[in-house]
């Protein structure tokens, strides 16, 4: 398993939030 990280952005390209998702391999 692993953690997948993403940066979510607002329409103006500023950072909205950091998101972590846990997935099975």
PDBML (XML) file of the C-alpha atoms, coordinates in Angstrom:
<?xml version="1.0" encoding="UTF-8" ?>
<PDBx:datablock datablockName="MODEL"
   xmlns:PDBx="http://pdbml.pdb.org/schema/pdbx-v50.xsd"
   xmlns:xsi="http://www.w3.org/2001/XMLSchema-instance"
   xsi:schemaLocation="http://pdbml.pdb.org/schema/pdbx-v50.xsd pdbx-v50.xsd">
   <PDBx:atom_siteCategory>
      <PDBx:atom_site id="1">
         <PDBx:B_iso_or_equiv>0.00</PDBx:B_iso_or_equiv>
         <PDBx:Cartn_x>0.000</PDBx:Cartn_x>
         <PDBx:Cartn_y>0.000</PDBx:Cartn_y>
         <PDBx:Cartn_z>0.000</PDBx:Cartn_z>
         <PDBx:auth_asym_id>A</PDBx:auth_asym_id>
         <PDBx:auth_atom_id>CA</PDBx:auth_atom_id>
         <PDBx:auth_comp_id>UNK</PDBx:auth_comp_id>
         <PDBx:auth_seq_id>1</PDBx:auth_seq_id>
         <PDBx:group_PDB>ATOM</PDBx:group_PDB>
         <PDBx:label_alt_id xsi:nil="true" />
         <PDBx:label_asym_id>A</PDBx:label_asym_id>
         <PDBx:label_atom_id>CA</PDBx:label_atom_id>
         <PDBx:label_comp_id>UNK</PDBx:label_comp_id>
         <PDBx:label_entity_id>1</PDBx:label_entity_id>
         <PDBx:label_seq_id>1</PDBx:label_seq_id>
         <PDBx:occupancy>1.00</PDBx:occupancy>
         <PDBx:pdbx_PDB_model_num>1</PDBx:pdbx_PDB_model_num>
         <PDBx:type_symbol>C</PDBx:type_symbol>
      </PDBx:atom_site>
      <PDBx:atom_site id="2">
         <PDBx:B_iso_or_equiv>0.00</PDBx:B_iso_or_equiv>
         <PDBx:Cartn_x>1.107</PDBx:Cartn_x>
         <PDBx:Cartn_y>3.594</PDBx:Cartn_y>
         <PDBx:Cartn_z>-0.365</PDBx:Cartn_z>
         <PDBx:auth_asym_id>A</PDBx:auth_asym_id>
         <PDBx:auth_atom_id>CA</PDBx:auth_atom_id>
         <PDBx:auth_comp_id>UNK</PDBx:auth_comp_id>
         <PDBx:auth_seq_id>2</PDBx:auth_seq_id>
         <PDBx:group_PDB>ATOM</PDBx:group_PDB>
         <PDBx:label_alt_id xsi:nil="true" />
         <PDBx:label_asym_id>A</PDBx:label_asym_id>
         <PDBx:label_atom_id>CA</PDBx:label_atom_id>
         <PDBx:label_comp_id>UNK</PDBx:label_comp_id>
         <PDBx:label_entity_id>1</PDBx:label_entity_id>
         <PDBx:label_seq_id>2</PDBx:label_seq_id>
         <PDBx:occupancy>1.00</PDBx:occupancy>
         <PDBx:pdbx_PDB_model_num>1</PDBx:pdbx_PDB_model_num>
         <PDBx:type_symbol>C</PDBx:type_symbol>
      </PDBx:atom_site>
      <PDBx:atom_site id="3">
         <PDBx:B_iso_or_equiv>0.00</PDBx:B_iso_or_equiv>
         <PDBx:Cartn_x>0.071</PDBx:Cartn_x>
         <PDBx:Cartn_y>7.182</PDBx:Cartn_y>
         <PDBx:Cartn_z>0.145</PDBx:Cartn_z>
         <PDBx:auth_asym_id>A</PDBx:auth_asym_id>
         <PDBx:auth_atom_id>CA</PDBx:auth_atom_id>
         <PDBx:auth_comp_id>UNK</PDBx:auth_comp_id>
         <PDBx:auth_seq_id>3</PDBx:auth_seq_id>
         <PDBx:group_PDB>ATOM</PDBx:group_PDB>
         <PDBx:label_alt_id xsi:nil="true" />
         <PDBx:label_asym_id>A</PDBx:label_asym_id>
         <PDBx:label_atom_id>CA</PDBx:label_atom_id>
         <PDBx:label_comp_id>UNK</PDBx:label_comp_id>
         <PDBx:label_entity_id>1</PDBx:label_entity_id>
         <PDBx:label_seq_id>3</PDBx:label_seq_id>
         <PDBx:occupancy>1.00</PDBx:occupancy>
         <PDBx:pdbx_PDB_model_num>1</PDBx:pdbx_PDB_model_num>
         <PDBx:type_symbol>C</PDBx:type_symbol>
      </PDBx:atom_site>
      <PDBx:atom_site id="4">
         <PDBx:B_iso_or_equiv>0.00</PDBx:B_iso_or_equiv>
         <PDBx:Cartn_x>-0.619</PDBx:Cartn_x>
         <PDBx:Cartn_y>9.307</PDBx:Cartn_y>
         <PDBx:Cartn_z>-2.937</PDBx:Cartn_z>
         <PDBx:auth_asym_id>A</PDBx:auth_asym_id>
         <PDBx:auth_atom_id>CA</PDBx:auth_atom_id>
         <PDBx:auth_comp_id>UNK</PDBx:auth_comp_id>
         <PDBx:auth_seq_id>4</PDBx:auth_seq_id>
         <PDBx:group_PDB>ATOM</PDBx:group_PDB>
         <PDBx:label_alt_id xsi:nil="true" />
         <PDBx:label_asym_id>A</PDBx:label_asym_id>
         <PDBx:label_atom_id>CA</PDBx:label_atom_id>
         <PDBx:label_comp_id>UNK</PDBx:label_comp_id>
         <PDBx:label_entity_id>1</PDBx:label_entity_id>
         <PDBx:label_seq_id>4</PDBx:label_seq_id>
         <PDBx:occupancy>1.00</PDBx:occupancy>
         <PDBx:pdbx_PDB_model_num>1</PDBx:pdbx_PDB_model_num>
         <PDBx:type_symbol>C</PDBx:type_symbol>
      </PDBx:atom_site>
      <PDBx:atom_site id="5">
         <PDBx:B_iso_or_equiv>0.00</PDBx:B_iso_or_equiv>
         <PDBx:Cartn_x>-0.255</PDBx:Cartn_x>
         <PDBx:Cartn_y>13.062</PDBx:Cartn_y>
         <PDBx:Cartn_z>-2.429</PDBx:Cartn_z>
         <PDBx:auth_asym_id>A</PDBx:auth_asym_id>
         <PDBx:auth_atom_id>CA</PDBx:auth_atom_id>
         <PDBx:auth_comp_id>UNK</PDBx:auth_comp_id>
         <PDBx:auth_seq_id>5</PDBx:auth_seq_id>
         <PDBx:group_PDB>ATOM</PDBx:group_PDB>
         <PDBx:label_alt_id xsi:nil="true" />
         <PDBx:label_asym_id>A</PDBx:label_asym_id>
         <PDBx:label_atom_id>CA</PDBx:label_atom_id>
         <PDBx:label_comp_id>UNK</PDBx:label_comp_id>
         <PDBx:label_entity_id>1</PDBx:label_entity_id>
         <PDBx:label_seq_id>5</PDBx:label_seq_id>
         <PDBx:occupancy>1.00</PDBx:occupancy>
         <PDBx:pdbx_PDB_model_num>1</PDBx:pdbx_PDB_model_num>
         <PDBx:type_symbol>C</PDBx:type_symbol>
      </PDBx:atom_site>
      <PDBx:atom_site id="6">
         <PDBx:B_iso_or_equiv>0.00</PDBx:B_iso_or_equiv>
         <PDBx:Cartn_x>-1.849</PDBx:Cartn_x>
         <PDBx:Cartn_y>15.833</PDBx:Cartn_y>
         <PDBx:Cartn_z>-4.470</PDBx:Cartn_z>
         <PDBx:auth_asym_id>A</PDBx:auth_asym_id>
         <PDBx:auth_atom_id>CA</PDBx:auth_atom_id>
         <PDBx:auth_comp_id>UNK</PDBx:auth_comp_id>
         <PDBx:auth_seq_id>6</PDBx:auth_seq_id>
         <PDBx:group_PDB>ATOM</PDBx:group_PDB>
         <PDBx:label_alt_id xsi:nil="true" />
         <PDBx:label_asym_id>A</PDBx:label_asym_id>
         <PDBx:label_atom_id>CA</PDBx:label_atom_id>
         <PDBx:label_comp_id>UNK</PDBx:label_comp_id>
         <PDBx:label_entity_id>1</PDBx:label_entity_id>
         <PDBx:label_seq_id>6</PDBx:label_seq_id>
         <PDBx:occupancy>1.00</PDBx:occupancy>
         <PDBx:pdbx_PDB_model_num>1</PDBx:pdbx_PDB_model_num>
         <PDBx:type_symbol>C</PDBx:type_symbol>
      </PDBx:atom_site>
      <PDBx:atom_site id="7">
         <PDBx:B_iso_or_equiv>0.00</PDBx:B_iso_or_equiv>
         <PDBx:Cartn_x>-1.958</PDBx:Cartn_x>
         <PDBx:Cartn_y>19.579</PDBx:Cartn_y>
         <PDBx:Cartn_z>-4.354</PDBx:Cartn_z>
         <PDBx:auth_asym_id>A</PDBx:auth_asym_id>
         <PDBx:auth_atom_id>CA</PDBx:auth_atom_id>
         <PDBx:auth_comp_id>UNK</PDBx:auth_comp_id>
         <PDBx:auth_seq_id>7</PDBx:auth_seq_id>
         <PDBx:group_PDB>ATOM</PDBx:group_PDB>
         <PDBx:label_alt_id xsi:nil="true" />
         <PDBx:label_asym_id>A</PDBx:label_asym_id>
         <PDBx:label_atom_id>CA</PDBx:label_atom_id>
         <PDBx:label_comp_id>UNK</PDBx:label_comp_id>
         <PDBx:label_entity_id>1</PDBx:label_entity_id>
         <PDBx:label_seq_id>7</PDBx:label_seq_id>
         <PDBx:occupancy>1.00</PDBx:occupancy>
         <PDBx:pdbx_PDB_model_num>1</PDBx:pdbx_PDB_model_num>
         <PDBx:type_symbol>C</PDBx:type_symbol>
      </PDBx:atom_site>
      <PDBx:atom_site id="8">
         <PDBx:B_iso_or_equiv>0.00</PDBx:B_iso_or_equiv>
         <PDBx:Cartn_x>-5.435</PDBx:Cartn_x>
         <PDBx:Cartn_y>20.930</PDBx:Cartn_y>
         <PDBx:Cartn_z>-5.092</PDBx:Cartn_z>
         <PDBx:auth_asym_id>A</PDBx:auth_asym_id>
         <PDBx:auth_atom_id>CA</PDBx:auth_atom_id>
         <PDBx:auth_comp_id>UNK</PDBx:auth_comp_id>
         <PDBx:auth_seq_id>8</PDBx:auth_seq_id>
         <PDBx:group_PDB>ATOM</PDBx:group_PDB>
         <PDBx:label_alt_id xsi:nil="true" />
         <PDBx:label_asym_id>A</PDBx:label_asym_id>
         <PDBx:label_atom_id>CA</PDBx:label_atom_id>
         <PDBx:label_comp_id>UNK</PDBx:label_comp_id>
         <PDBx:label_entity_id>1</PDBx:label_entity_id>
         <PDBx:label_seq_id>8</PDBx:label_seq_id>
         <PDBx:occupancy>1.00</PDBx:occupancy>
         <PDBx:pdbx_PDB_model_num>1</PDBx:pdbx_PDB_model_num>
         <PDBx:type_symbol>C</PDBx:type_symbol>
      </PDBx:atom_site>
      <PDBx:atom_site id="9">
         <PDBx:B_iso_or_equiv>0.00</PDBx:B_iso_or_equiv>
         <PDBx:Cartn_x>-5.511</PDBx:Cartn_x>
         <PDBx:Cartn_y>24.382</PDBx:Cartn_y>
         <PDBx:Cartn_z>-6.687</PDBx:Cartn_z>
         <PDBx:auth_asym_id>A</PDBx:auth_asym_id>
         <PDBx:auth_atom_id>CA</PDBx:auth_atom_id>
         <PDBx:auth_comp_id>UNK</PDBx:auth_comp_id>
         <PDBx:auth_seq_id>9</PDBx:auth_seq_id>
         <PDBx:group_PDB>ATOM</PDBx:group_PDB>
         <PDBx:label_alt_id xsi:nil="true" />
         <PDBx:label_asym_id>A</PDBx:label_asym_id>
         <PDBx:label_atom_id>CA</PDBx:label_atom_id>
         <PDBx:label_comp_id>UNK</PDBx:label_comp_id>
         <PDBx:label_entity_id>1</PDBx:label_entity_id>
         <PDBx:label_seq_id>9</PDBx:label_seq_id>
         <PDBx:occupancy>1.00</PDBx:occupancy>
         <PDBx:pdbx_PDB_model_num>1</PDBx:pdbx_PDB_model_num>
         <PDBx:type_symbol>C</PDBx:type_symbol>
      </PDBx:atom_site>
      <PDBx:atom_site id="10">
         <PDBx:B_iso_or_equiv>0.00</PDBx:B_iso_or_equiv>
         <PDBx:Cartn_x>-8.065</PDBx:Cartn_x>
         <PDBx:Cartn_y>27.156</PDBx:Cartn_y>
         <PDBx:Cartn_z>-6.944</PDBx:Cartn_z>
         <PDBx:auth_asym_id>A</PDBx:auth_asym_id>
         <PDBx:auth_atom_id>CA</PDBx:auth_atom_id>
         <PDBx:auth_comp_id>UNK</PDBx:auth_comp_id>
         <PDBx:auth_seq_id>10</PDBx:auth_seq_id>
         <PDBx:group_PDB>ATOM</PDBx:group_PDB>
         <PDBx:label_alt_id xsi:nil="true" />
         <PDBx:label_asym_id>A</PDBx:label_asym_id>
         <PDBx:label_atom_id>CA</PDBx:label_atom_id>
         <PDBx:label_comp_id>UNK</PDBx:label_comp_id>
         <PDBx:label_entity_id>1</PDBx:label_entity_id>
         <PDBx:label_seq_id>10</PDBx:label_seq_id>
         <PDBx:occupancy>1.00</PDBx:occupancy>
         <PDBx:pdbx_PDB_model_num>1</PDBx:pdbx_PDB_model_num>
         <PDBx:type_symbol>C</PDBx:type_symbol>
      </PDBx:atom_site>
      <PDBx:atom_site id="11">
         <PDBx:B_iso_or_equiv>0.00</PDBx:B_iso_or_equiv>
         <PDBx:Cartn_x>-9.002</PDBx:Cartn_x>
         <PDBx:Cartn_y>28.320</PDBx:Cartn_y>
         <PDBx:Cartn_z>-10.480</PDBx:Cartn_z>
         <PDBx:auth_asym_id>A</PDBx:auth_asym_id>
         <PDBx:auth_atom_id>CA</PDBx:auth_atom_id>
         <PDBx:auth_comp_id>UNK</PDBx:auth_comp_id>
         <PDBx:auth_seq_id>11</PDBx:auth_seq_id>
         <PDBx:group_PDB>ATOM</PDBx:group_PDB>
         <PDBx:label_alt_id xsi:nil="true" />
         <PDBx:label_asym_id>A</PDBx:label_asym_id>
         <PDBx:label_atom_id>CA</PDBx:label_atom_id>
         <PDBx:label_comp_id>UNK</PDBx:label_comp_id>
         <PDBx:label_entity_id>1</PDBx:label_entity_id>
         <PDBx:label_seq_id>11</PDBx:label_seq_id>
         <PDBx:occupancy>1.00</PDBx:occupancy>
         <PDBx:pdbx_PDB_model_num>1</PDBx:pdbx_PDB_model_num>
         <PDBx:type_symbol>C</PDBx:type_symbol>
      </PDBx:atom_site>
      <PDBx:atom_site id="12">
         <PDBx:B_iso_or_equiv>0.00</PDBx:B_iso_or_equiv>
         <PDBx:Cartn_x>-6.478</PDBx:Cartn_x>
         <PDBx:Cartn_y>31.160</PDBx:Cartn_y>
         <PDBx:Cartn_z>-10.105</PDBx:Cartn_z>
         <PDBx:auth_asym_id>A</PDBx:auth_asym_id>
         <PDBx:auth_atom_id>CA</PDBx:auth_atom_id>
         <PDBx:auth_comp_id>UNK</PDBx:auth_comp_id>
         <PDBx:auth_seq_id>12</PDBx:auth_seq_id>
         <PDBx:group_PDB>ATOM</PDBx:group_PDB>
         <PDBx:label_alt_id xsi:nil="true" />
         <PDBx:label_asym_id>A</PDBx:label_asym_id>
         <PDBx:label_atom_id>CA</PDBx:label_atom_id>
         <PDBx:label_comp_id>UNK</PDBx:label_comp_id>
         <PDBx:label_entity_id>1</PDBx:label_entity_id>
         <PDBx:label_seq_id>12</PDBx:label_seq_id>
         <PDBx:occupancy>1.00</PDBx:occupancy>
         <PDBx:pdbx_PDB_model_num>1</PDBx:pdbx_PDB_model_num>
         <PDBx:type_symbol>C</PDBx:type_symbol>
      </PDBx:atom_site>
      <PDBx:atom_site id="13">
         <PDBx:B_iso_or_equiv>0.00</PDBx:B_iso_or_equiv>
         <PDBx:Cartn_x>-3.675</PDBx:Cartn_x>
         <PDBx:Cartn_y>28.581</PDBx:Cartn_y>
         <PDBx:Cartn_z>-9.496</PDBx:Cartn_z>
         <PDBx:auth_asym_id>A</PDBx:auth_asym_id>
         <PDBx:auth_atom_id>CA</PDBx:auth_atom_id>
         <PDBx:auth_comp_id>UNK</PDBx:auth_comp_id>
         <PDBx:auth_seq_id>13</PDBx:auth_seq_id>
         <PDBx:group_PDB>ATOM</PDBx:group_PDB>
         <PDBx:label_alt_id xsi:nil="true" />
         <PDBx:label_asym_id>A</PDBx:label_asym_id>
         <PDBx:label_atom_id>CA</PDBx:label_atom_id>
         <PDBx:label_comp_id>UNK</PDBx:label_comp_id>
         <PDBx:label_entity_id>1</PDBx:label_entity_id>
         <PDBx:label_seq_id>13</PDBx:label_seq_id>
         <PDBx:occupancy>1.00</PDBx:occupancy>
         <PDBx:pdbx_PDB_model_num>1</PDBx:pdbx_PDB_model_num>
         <PDBx:type_symbol>C</PDBx:type_symbol>
      </PDBx:atom_site>
      <PDBx:atom_site id="14">
         <PDBx:B_iso_or_equiv>0.00</PDBx:B_iso_or_equiv>
         <PDBx:Cartn_x>-3.259</PDBx:Cartn_x>
         <PDBx:Cartn_y>29.363</PDBx:Cartn_y>
         <PDBx:Cartn_z>-5.796</PDBx:Cartn_z>
         <PDBx:auth_asym_id>A</PDBx:auth_asym_id>
         <PDBx:auth_atom_id>CA</PDBx:auth_atom_id>
         <PDBx:auth_comp_id>UNK</PDBx:auth_comp_id>
         <PDBx:auth_seq_id>14</PDBx:auth_seq_id>
         <PDBx:group_PDB>ATOM</PDBx:group_PDB>
         <PDBx:label_alt_id xsi:nil="true" />
         <PDBx:label_asym_id>A</PDBx:label_asym_id>
         <PDBx:label_atom_id>CA</PDBx:label_atom_id>
         <PDBx:label_comp_id>UNK</PDBx:label_comp_id>
         <PDBx:label_entity_id>1</PDBx:label_entity_id>
         <PDBx:label_seq_id>14</PDBx:label_seq_id>
         <PDBx:occupancy>1.00</PDBx:occupancy>
         <PDBx:pdbx_PDB_model_num>1</PDBx:pdbx_PDB_model_num>
         <PDBx:type_symbol>C</PDBx:type_symbol>
      </PDBx:atom_site>
      <PDBx:atom_site id="15">
         <PDBx:B_iso_or_equiv>0.00</PDBx:B_iso_or_equiv>
         <PDBx:Cartn_x>-3.065</PDBx:Cartn_x>
         <PDBx:Cartn_y>26.367</PDBx:Cartn_y>
         <PDBx:Cartn_z>-3.481</PDBx:Cartn_z>
         <PDBx:auth_asym_id>A</PDBx:auth_asym_id>
         <PDBx:auth_atom_id>CA</PDBx:auth_atom_id>
         <PDBx:auth_comp_id>UNK</PDBx:auth_comp_id>
         <PDBx:auth_seq_id>15</PDBx:auth_seq_id>
         <PDBx:group_PDB>ATOM</PDBx:group_PDB>
         <PDBx:label_alt_id xsi:nil="true" />
         <PDBx:label_asym_id>A</PDBx:label_asym_id>
         <PDBx:label_atom_id>CA</PDBx:label_atom_id>
         <PDBx:label_comp_id>UNK</PDBx:label_comp_id>
         <PDBx:label_entity_id>1</PDBx:label_entity_id>
         <PDBx:label_seq_id>15</PDBx:label_seq_id>
         <PDBx:occupancy>1.00</PDBx:occupancy>
         <PDBx:pdbx_PDB_model_num>1</PDBx:pdbx_PDB_model_num>
         <PDBx:type_symbol>C</PDBx:type_symbol>
      </PDBx:atom_site>
      <PDBx:atom_site id="16">
         <PDBx:B_iso_or_equiv>0.00</PDBx:B_iso_or_equiv>
         <PDBx:Cartn_x>-6.416</PDBx:Cartn_x>
         <PDBx:Cartn_y>25.277</PDBx:Cartn_y>
         <PDBx:Cartn_z>-2.075</PDBx:Cartn_z>
         <PDBx:auth_asym_id>A</PDBx:auth_asym_id>
         <PDBx:auth_atom_id>CA</PDBx:auth_atom_id>
         <PDBx:auth_comp_id>UNK</PDBx:auth_comp_id>
         <PDBx:auth_seq_id>16</PDBx:auth_seq_id>
         <PDBx:group_PDB>ATOM</PDBx:group_PDB>
         <PDBx:label_alt_id xsi:nil="true" />
         <PDBx:label_asym_id>A</PDBx:label_asym_id>
         <PDBx:label_atom_id>CA</PDBx:label_atom_id>
         <PDBx:label_comp_id>UNK</PDBx:label_comp_id>
         <PDBx:label_entity_id>1</PDBx:label_entity_id>
         <PDBx:label_seq_id>16</PDBx:label_seq_id>
         <PDBx:occupancy>1.00</PDBx:occupancy>
         <PDBx:pdbx_PDB_model_num>1</PDBx:pdbx_PDB_model_num>
         <PDBx:type_symbol>C</PDBx:type_symbol>
      </PDBx:atom_site>
      <PDBx:atom_site id="17">
         <PDBx:B_iso_or_equiv>0.00</PDBx:B_iso_or_equiv>
         <PDBx:Cartn_x>-5.277</PDBx:Cartn_x>
         <PDBx:Cartn_y>22.319</PDBx:Cartn_y>
         <PDBx:Cartn_z>0.028</PDBx:Cartn_z>
         <PDBx:auth_asym_id>A</PDBx:auth_asym_id>
         <PDBx:auth_atom_id>CA</PDBx:auth_atom_id>
         <PDBx:auth_comp_id>UNK</PDBx:auth_comp_id>
         <PDBx:auth_seq_id>17</PDBx:auth_seq_id>
         <PDBx:group_PDB>ATOM</PDBx:group_PDB>
         <PDBx:label_alt_id xsi:nil="true" />
         <PDBx:label_asym_id>A</PDBx:label_asym_id>
         <PDBx:label_atom_id>CA</PDBx:label_atom_id>
         <PDBx:label_comp_id>UNK</PDBx:label_comp_id>
         <PDBx:label_entity_id>1</PDBx:label_entity_id>
         <PDBx:label_seq_id>17</PDBx:label_seq_id>
         <PDBx:occupancy>1.00</PDBx:occupancy>
         <PDBx:pdbx_PDB_model_num>1</PDBx:pdbx_PDB_model_num>
         <PDBx:type_symbol>C</PDBx:type_symbol>
      </PDBx:atom_site>
      <PDBx:atom_site id="18">
         <PDBx:B_iso_or_equiv>0.00</PDBx:B_iso_or_equiv>
         <PDBx:Cartn_x>-2.969</PDBx:Cartn_x>
         <PDBx:Cartn_y>19.361</PDBx:Cartn_y>
         <PDBx:Cartn_z>0.248</PDBx:Cartn_z>
         <PDBx:auth_asym_id>A</PDBx:auth_asym_id>
         <PDBx:auth_atom_id>CA</PDBx:auth_atom_id>
         <PDBx:auth_comp_id>UNK</PDBx:auth_comp_id>
         <PDBx:auth_seq_id>18</PDBx:auth_seq_id>
         <PDBx:group_PDB>ATOM</PDBx:group_PDB>
         <PDBx:label_alt_id xsi:nil="true" />
         <PDBx:label_asym_id>A</PDBx:label_asym_id>
         <PDBx:label_atom_id>CA</PDBx:label_atom_id>
         <PDBx:label_comp_id>UNK</PDBx:label_comp_id>
         <PDBx:label_entity_id>1</PDBx:label_entity_id>
         <PDBx:label_seq_id>18</PDBx:label_seq_id>
         <PDBx:occupancy>1.00</PDBx:occupancy>
         <PDBx:pdbx_PDB_model_num>1</PDBx:pdbx_PDB_model_num>
         <PDBx:type_symbol>C</PDBx:type_symbol>
      </PDBx:atom_site>
      <PDBx:atom_site id="19">
         <PDBx:B_iso_or_equiv>0.00</PDBx:B_iso_or_equiv>
         <PDBx:Cartn_x>-4.671</PDBx:Cartn_x>
         <PDBx:Cartn_y>16.004</PDBx:Cartn_y>
         <PDBx:Cartn_z>-0.202</PDBx:Cartn_z>
         <PDBx:auth_asym_id>A</PDBx:auth_asym_id>
         <PDBx:auth_atom_id>CA</PDBx:auth_atom_id>
         <PDBx:auth_comp_id>UNK</PDBx:auth_comp_id>
         <PDBx:auth_seq_id>19</PDBx:auth_seq_id>
         <PDBx:group_PDB>ATOM</PDBx:group_PDB>
         <PDBx:label_alt_id xsi:nil="true" />
         <PDBx:label_asym_id>A</PDBx:label_asym_id>
         <PDBx:label_atom_id>CA</PDBx:label_atom_id>
         <PDBx:label_comp_id>UNK</PDBx:label_comp_id>
         <PDBx:label_entity_id>1</PDBx:label_entity_id>
         <PDBx:label_seq_id>19</PDBx:label_seq_id>
         <PDBx:occupancy>1.00</PDBx:occupancy>
         <PDBx:pdbx_PDB_model_num>1</PDBx:pdbx_PDB_model_num>
         <PDBx:type_symbol>C</PDBx:type_symbol>
      </PDBx:atom_site>
      <PDBx:atom_site id="20">
         <PDBx:B_iso_or_equiv>0.00</PDBx:B_iso_or_equiv>
         <PDBx:Cartn_x>-3.510</PDBx:Cartn_x>
         <PDBx:Cartn_y>12.515</PDBx:Cartn_y>
         <PDBx:Cartn_z>0.771</PDBx:Cartn_z>
         <PDBx:auth_asym_id>A</PDBx:auth_asym_id>
         <PDBx:auth_atom_id>CA</PDBx:auth_atom_id>
         <PDBx:auth_comp_id>UNK</PDBx:auth_comp_id>
         <PDBx:auth_seq_id>20</PDBx:auth_seq_id>
         <PDBx:group_PDB>ATOM</PDBx:group_PDB>
         <PDBx:label_alt_id xsi:nil="true" />
         <PDBx:label_asym_id>A</PDBx:label_asym_id>
         <PDBx:label_atom_id>CA</PDBx:label_atom_id>
         <PDBx:label_comp_id>UNK</PDBx:label_comp_id>
         <PDBx:label_entity_id>1</PDBx:label_entity_id>
         <PDBx:label_seq_id>20</PDBx:label_seq_id>
         <PDBx:occupancy>1.00</PDBx:occupancy>
         <PDBx:pdbx_PDB_model_num>1</PDBx:pdbx_PDB_model_num>
         <PDBx:type_symbol>C</PDBx:type_symbol>
      </PDBx:atom_site>
      <PDBx:atom_site id="21">
         <PDBx:B_iso_or_equiv>0.00</PDBx:B_iso_or_equiv>
         <PDBx:Cartn_x>-5.107</PDBx:Cartn_x>
         <PDBx:Cartn_y>9.357</PDBx:Cartn_y>
         <PDBx:Cartn_z>-0.546</PDBx:Cartn_z>
         <PDBx:auth_asym_id>A</PDBx:auth_asym_id>
         <PDBx:auth_atom_id>CA</PDBx:auth_atom_id>
         <PDBx:auth_comp_id>UNK</PDBx:auth_comp_id>
         <PDBx:auth_seq_id>21</PDBx:auth_seq_id>
         <PDBx:group_PDB>ATOM</PDBx:group_PDB>
         <PDBx:label_alt_id xsi:nil="true" />
         <PDBx:label_asym_id>A</PDBx:label_asym_id>
         <PDBx:label_atom_id>CA</PDBx:label_atom_id>
         <PDBx:label_comp_id>UNK</PDBx:label_comp_id>
         <PDBx:label_entity_id>1</PDBx:label_entity_id>
         <PDBx:label_seq_id>21</PDBx:label_seq_id>
         <PDBx:occupancy>1.00</PDBx:occupancy>
         <PDBx:pdbx_PDB_model_num>1</PDBx:pdbx_PDB_model_num>
         <PDBx:type_symbol>C</PDBx:type_symbol>
      </PDBx:atom_site>
      <PDBx:atom_site id="22">
         <PDBx:B_iso_or_equiv>0.00</PDBx:B_iso_or_equiv>
         <PDBx:Cartn_x>-4.390</PDBx:Cartn_x>
         <PDBx:Cartn_y>5.865</PDBx:Cartn_y>
         <PDBx:Cartn_z>0.718</PDBx:Cartn_z>
         <PDBx:auth_asym_id>A</PDBx:auth_asym_id>
         <PDBx:auth_atom_id>CA</PDBx:auth_atom_id>
         <PDBx:auth_comp_id>UNK</PDBx:auth_comp_id>
         <PDBx:auth_seq_id>22</PDBx:auth_seq_id>
         <PDBx:group_PDB>ATOM</PDBx:group_PDB>
         <PDBx:label_alt_id xsi:nil="true" />
         <PDBx:label_asym_id>A</PDBx:label_asym_id>
         <PDBx:label_atom_id>CA</PDBx:label_atom_id>
         <PDBx:label_comp_id>UNK</PDBx:label_comp_id>
         <PDBx:label_entity_id>1</PDBx:label_entity_id>
         <PDBx:label_seq_id>22</PDBx:label_seq_id>
         <PDBx:occupancy>1.00</PDBx:occupancy>
         <PDBx:pdbx_PDB_model_num>1</PDBx:pdbx_PDB_model_num>
         <PDBx:type_symbol>C</PDBx:type_symbol>
      </PDBx:atom_site>
      <PDBx:atom_site id="23">
         <PDBx:B_iso_or_equiv>0.00</PDBx:B_iso_or_equiv>
         <PDBx:Cartn_x>-4.309</PDBx:Cartn_x>
         <PDBx:Cartn_y>3.148</PDBx:Cartn_y>
         <PDBx:Cartn_z>-1.970</PDBx:Cartn_z>
         <PDBx:auth_asym_id>A</PDBx:auth_asym_id>
         <PDBx:auth_atom_id>CA</PDBx:auth_atom_id>
         <PDBx:auth_comp_id>UNK</PDBx:auth_comp_id>
         <PDBx:auth_seq_id>23</PDBx:auth_seq_id>
         <PDBx:group_PDB>ATOM</PDBx:group_PDB>
         <PDBx:label_alt_id xsi:nil="true" />
         <PDBx:label_asym_id>A</PDBx:label_asym_id>
         <PDBx:label_atom_id>CA</PDBx:label_atom_id>
         <PDBx:label_comp_id>UNK</PDBx:label_comp_id>
         <PDBx:label_entity_id>1</PDBx:label_entity_id>
         <PDBx:label_seq_id>23</PDBx:label_seq_id>
         <PDBx:occupancy>1.00</PDBx:occupancy>
         <PDBx:pdbx_PDB_model_num>1</PDBx:pdbx_PDB_model_num>
         <PDBx:type_symbol>C</PDBx:type_symbol>
      </PDBx:atom_site>
      <PDBx:atom_site id="24">
         <PDBx:B_iso_or_equiv>0.00</PDBx:B_iso_or_equiv>
         <PDBx:Cartn_x>-3.609</PDBx:Cartn_x>
         <PDBx:Cartn_y>-0.569</PDBx:Cartn_y>
         <PDBx:Cartn_z>-2.117</PDBx:Cartn_z>
         <PDBx:auth_asym_id>A</PDBx:auth_asym_id>
         <PDBx:auth_atom_id>CA</PDBx:auth_atom_id>
         <PDBx:auth_comp_id>UNK</PDBx:auth_comp_id>
         <PDBx:auth_seq_id>24</PDBx:auth_seq_id>
         <PDBx:group_PDB>ATOM</PDBx:group_PDB>
         <PDBx:label_alt_id xsi:nil="true" />
         <PDBx:label_asym_id>A</PDBx:label_asym_id>
         <PDBx:label_atom_id>CA</PDBx:label_atom_id>
         <PDBx:label_comp_id>UNK</PDBx:label_comp_id>
         <PDBx:label_entity_id>1</PDBx:label_entity_id>
         <PDBx:label_seq_id>24</PDBx:label_seq_id>
         <PDBx:occupancy>1.00</PDBx:occupancy>
         <PDBx:pdbx_PDB_model_num>1</PDBx:pdbx_PDB_model_num>
         <PDBx:type_symbol>C</PDBx:type_symbol>
      </PDBx:atom_site>
      <PDBx:atom_site id="25">
         <PDBx:B_iso_or_equiv>0.00</PDBx:B_iso_or_equiv>
         <PDBx:Cartn_x>-1.026</PDBx:Cartn_x>
         <PDBx:Cartn_y>-1.702</PDBx:Cartn_y>
         <PDBx:Cartn_z>-4.665</PDBx:Cartn_z>
         <PDBx:auth_asym_id>A</PDBx:auth_asym_id>
         <PDBx:auth_atom_id>CA</PDBx:auth_atom_id>
         <PDBx:auth_comp_id>UNK</PDBx:auth_comp_id>
         <PDBx:auth_seq_id>25</PDBx:auth_seq_id>
         <PDBx:group_PDB>ATOM</PDBx:group_PDB>
         <PDBx:label_alt_id xsi:nil="true" />
         <PDBx:label_asym_id>A</PDBx:label_asym_id>
         <PDBx:label_atom_id>CA</PDBx:label_atom_id>
         <PDBx:label_comp_id>UNK</PDBx:label_comp_id>
         <PDBx:label_entity_id>1</PDBx:label_entity_id>
         <PDBx:label_seq_id>25</PDBx:label_seq_id>
         <PDBx:occupancy>1.00</PDBx:occupancy>
         <PDBx:pdbx_PDB_model_num>1</PDBx:pdbx_PDB_model_num>
         <PDBx:type_symbol>C</PDBx:type_symbol>
      </PDBx:atom_site>
   </PDBx:atom_siteCategory>
</PDBx:datablock>
